[in-house]
Amino acid sequence: MKKTKYTSRFKFDRVIESVRKDNVSEVARSYGFGINLLSKWRSDFLKNGHKHFDTKTDQDVIKL
């Protein structure tokens, strides 16, 4: 069985959709992939989503 690669945009859109609907299983089923996969994407997003808003200035301050 070939492993499907999903784009980061697709993952982000599905995570946001699952948050809005508050239903992981419905979103996963509608796109034909596993609930566990979407749950992992959500977990990763909730844990690391703030990194998107990091700026170069913030990173420079951390280095100091």
N, C-alpha and C. Protein backbone atom coordinates (compact mmCIF):
# COMPACT_ATOMS: atom_id res chain seq x y z
N MET A 1 0.84 -1.18 0.00
CA MET A 1 0.00 0.00 0.00
C MET A 1 0.88 1.24 0.00
N LYS A 2 0.62 2.16 -0.93
CA LYS A 2 1.42 3.36 -1.07
C LYS A 2 1.04 4.39 0.01
N LYS A 3 2.05 4.97 0.61
CA LYS A 3 1.83 5.97 1.65
C LYS A 3 1.52 7.31 0.98
N THR A 4 0.42 7.93 1.37
CA THR A 4 0.00 9.20 0.79
C THR A 4 0.72 10.34 1.49
N LYS A 5 1.21 11.30 0.70
CA LYS A 5 1.83 12.49 1.26
C LYS A 5 0.84 13.64 1.13
N TYR A 6 0.61 14.32 2.24
CA TYR A 6 -0.31 15.44 2.26
C TYR A 6 0.49 16.73 2.38
N THR A 7 0.03 17.78 1.70
CA THR A 7 0.70 19.07 1.80
C THR A 7 0.42 19.70 3.15
N SER A 8 1.27 20.60 3.54
CA SER A 8 1.07 21.29 4.81
C SER A 8 -0.22 22.10 4.79
N ARG A 9 -0.57 22.65 3.65
CA ARG A 9 -1.82 23.41 3.53
C ARG A 9 -3.04 22.51 3.74
N PHE A 10 -3.00 21.31 3.16
CA PHE A 10 -4.09 20.35 3.32
C PHE A 10 -4.23 19.99 4.80
N LYS A 11 -3.12 19.70 5.46
CA LYS A 11 -3.15 19.33 6.87
C LYS A 11 -3.73 20.46 7.71
N PHE A 12 -3.24 21.67 7.46
CA PHE A 12 -3.72 22.83 8.20
C PHE A 12 -5.22 23.02 8.01
N ASP A 13 -5.68 22.94 6.78
CA ASP A 13 -7.11 23.11 6.49
C ASP A 13 -7.96 22.06 7.20
N ARG A 14 -7.50 20.79 7.21
CA ARG A 14 -8.25 19.73 7.87
C ARG A 14 -8.26 19.93 9.39
N VAL A 15 -7.15 20.37 9.96
CA VAL A 15 -7.09 20.62 11.40
C VAL A 15 -8.06 21.73 11.77
N ILE A 16 -8.04 22.82 11.02
CA ILE A 16 -8.95 23.94 11.30
C ILE A 16 -10.39 23.49 11.14
N GLU A 17 -10.68 22.73 10.11
CA GLU A 17 -12.03 22.22 9.90
C GLU A 17 -12.47 21.35 11.07
N SER A 18 -11.57 20.50 11.56
CA SER A 18 -11.93 19.63 12.68
C SER A 18 -12.13 20.42 13.97
N VAL A 19 -11.40 21.51 14.13
CA VAL A 19 -11.58 22.35 15.31
C VAL A 19 -12.92 23.08 15.23
N ARG A 20 -13.22 23.61 14.06
CA ARG A 20 -14.49 24.33 13.88
C ARG A 20 -15.69 23.42 14.08
N LYS A 21 -15.63 22.23 13.51
CA LYS A 21 -16.74 21.28 13.63
C LYS A 21 -16.72 20.55 14.97
N ASP A 22 -15.58 20.59 15.64
CA ASP A 22 -15.37 19.87 16.89
C ASP A 22 -15.69 18.39 16.72
N ASN A 23 -15.24 17.84 15.57
CA ASN A 23 -15.52 16.44 15.27
C ASN A 23 -14.42 15.88 14.37
N VAL A 24 -13.45 15.24 14.98
CA VAL A 24 -12.31 14.69 14.24
C VAL A 24 -12.74 13.55 13.33
N SER A 25 -13.58 12.66 13.83
CA SER A 25 -13.96 11.48 13.05
C SER A 25 -14.74 11.84 11.80
N GLU A 26 -15.61 12.83 11.88
CA GLU A 26 -16.39 13.23 10.71
C GLU A 26 -15.49 13.79 9.61
N VAL A 27 -14.54 14.63 9.98
CA VAL A 27 -13.63 15.23 9.00
C VAL A 27 -12.73 14.16 8.40
N ALA A 28 -12.17 13.30 9.21
CA ALA A 28 -11.29 12.24 8.71
C ALA A 28 -12.03 11.32 7.74
N ARG A 29 -13.22 10.94 8.11
CA ARG A 29 -14.03 10.06 7.24
C ARG A 29 -14.36 10.73 5.91
N SER A 30 -14.69 12.01 5.96
CA SER A 30 -15.10 12.70 4.73
C SER A 30 -13.94 12.83 3.73
N TYR A 31 -12.70 12.80 4.22
CA TYR A 31 -11.55 12.89 3.33
C TYR A 31 -10.84 11.55 3.12
N GLY A 32 -11.32 10.52 3.78
CA GLY A 32 -10.80 9.18 3.53
C GLY A 32 -9.48 8.85 4.18
N PHE A 33 -9.18 9.41 5.33
CA PHE A 33 -7.98 8.99 6.05
C PHE A 33 -8.34 8.74 7.51
N GLY A 34 -7.40 8.20 8.26
CA GLY A 34 -7.68 7.74 9.60
C GLY A 34 -7.84 8.84 10.64
N ILE A 35 -8.64 8.52 11.62
CA ILE A 35 -8.88 9.44 12.73
C ILE A 35 -7.58 9.69 13.50
N ASN A 36 -6.77 8.65 13.66
CA ASN A 36 -5.51 8.81 14.39
C ASN A 36 -4.57 9.79 13.70
N LEU A 37 -4.56 9.78 12.38
CA LEU A 37 -3.71 10.70 11.63
C LEU A 37 -4.13 12.14 11.87
N LEU A 38 -5.41 12.41 11.76
CA LEU A 38 -5.91 13.77 11.99
C LEU A 38 -5.70 14.19 13.44
N SER A 39 -5.87 13.27 14.36
CA SER A 39 -5.62 13.58 15.78
C SER A 39 -4.16 13.96 16.01
N LYS A 40 -3.25 13.27 15.32
CA LYS A 40 -1.82 13.60 15.44
C LYS A 40 -1.56 14.99 14.88
N TRP A 41 -2.15 15.30 13.72
CA TRP A 41 -1.98 16.64 13.12
C TRP A 41 -2.49 17.71 14.08
N ARG A 42 -3.64 17.46 14.69
CA ARG A 42 -4.22 18.43 15.63
C ARG A 42 -3.31 18.62 16.83
N SER A 43 -2.82 17.53 17.37
CA SER A 43 -1.94 17.60 18.52
C SER A 43 -0.67 18.38 18.20
N ASP A 44 -0.06 18.08 17.06
CA ASP A 44 1.14 18.80 16.64
C ASP A 44 0.86 20.28 16.44
N PHE A 45 -0.28 20.58 15.84
CA PHE A 45 -0.65 21.97 15.60
C PHE A 45 -0.85 22.72 16.91
N LEU A 46 -1.56 22.11 17.84
CA LEU A 46 -1.83 22.78 19.11
C LEU A 46 -0.56 22.96 19.94
N LYS A 47 0.39 22.04 19.77
CA LYS A 47 1.64 22.12 20.52
C LYS A 47 2.62 23.11 19.87
N ASN A 48 2.67 23.16 18.54
CA ASN A 48 3.71 23.93 17.85
C ASN A 48 3.17 25.05 16.96
N GLY A 49 1.88 25.26 16.95
CA GLY A 49 1.29 26.27 16.07
C GLY A 49 1.80 27.68 16.33
N HIS A 50 2.18 27.96 17.56
CA HIS A 50 2.66 29.30 17.90
C HIS A 50 3.96 29.66 17.16
N LYS A 51 4.70 28.65 16.72
CA LYS A 51 5.98 28.90 16.04
C LYS A 51 5.79 29.65 14.74
N HIS A 52 4.62 29.54 14.16
CA HIS A 52 4.34 30.27 12.93
C HIS A 52 4.45 31.78 13.15
N PHE A 53 4.14 32.22 14.35
CA PHE A 53 4.13 33.65 14.64
C PHE A 53 5.46 34.17 15.16
N ASP A 54 6.44 33.29 15.31
CA ASP A 54 7.77 33.73 15.71
C ASP A 54 8.36 34.62 14.62
N THR A 55 9.01 35.67 15.04
CA THR A 55 9.66 36.56 14.08
C THR A 55 11.17 36.44 14.23
N LYS A 56 11.88 36.97 13.28
CA LYS A 56 13.33 36.94 13.36
C LYS A 56 13.80 37.69 14.60
N THR A 57 13.16 38.77 14.95
CA THR A 57 13.52 39.53 16.14
C THR A 57 13.38 38.68 17.39
N ASP A 58 12.29 37.94 17.49
CA ASP A 58 12.07 37.06 18.64
C ASP A 58 13.19 36.03 18.74
N GLN A 59 13.60 35.48 17.62
CA GLN A 59 14.65 34.47 17.62
C GLN A 59 15.99 35.08 18.03
N ASP A 60 16.25 36.32 17.61
CA ASP A 60 17.49 37.00 17.99
C ASP A 60 17.52 37.27 19.50
N VAL A 61 16.39 37.64 20.06
CA VAL A 61 16.32 37.91 21.49
C VAL A 61 16.57 36.63 22.28
N ILE A 62 16.04 35.52 21.80
CA ILE A 62 16.25 34.24 22.47
C ILE A 62 17.74 33.87 22.48
N LYS A 63 18.42 34.15 21.37
CA LYS A 63 19.84 33.83 21.30
C LYS A 63 20.65 34.63 22.31
N LEU A 64 20.22 35.86 22.57
CA LEU A 64 20.94 36.69 23.54
C LEU A 64 20.76 36.14 24.93
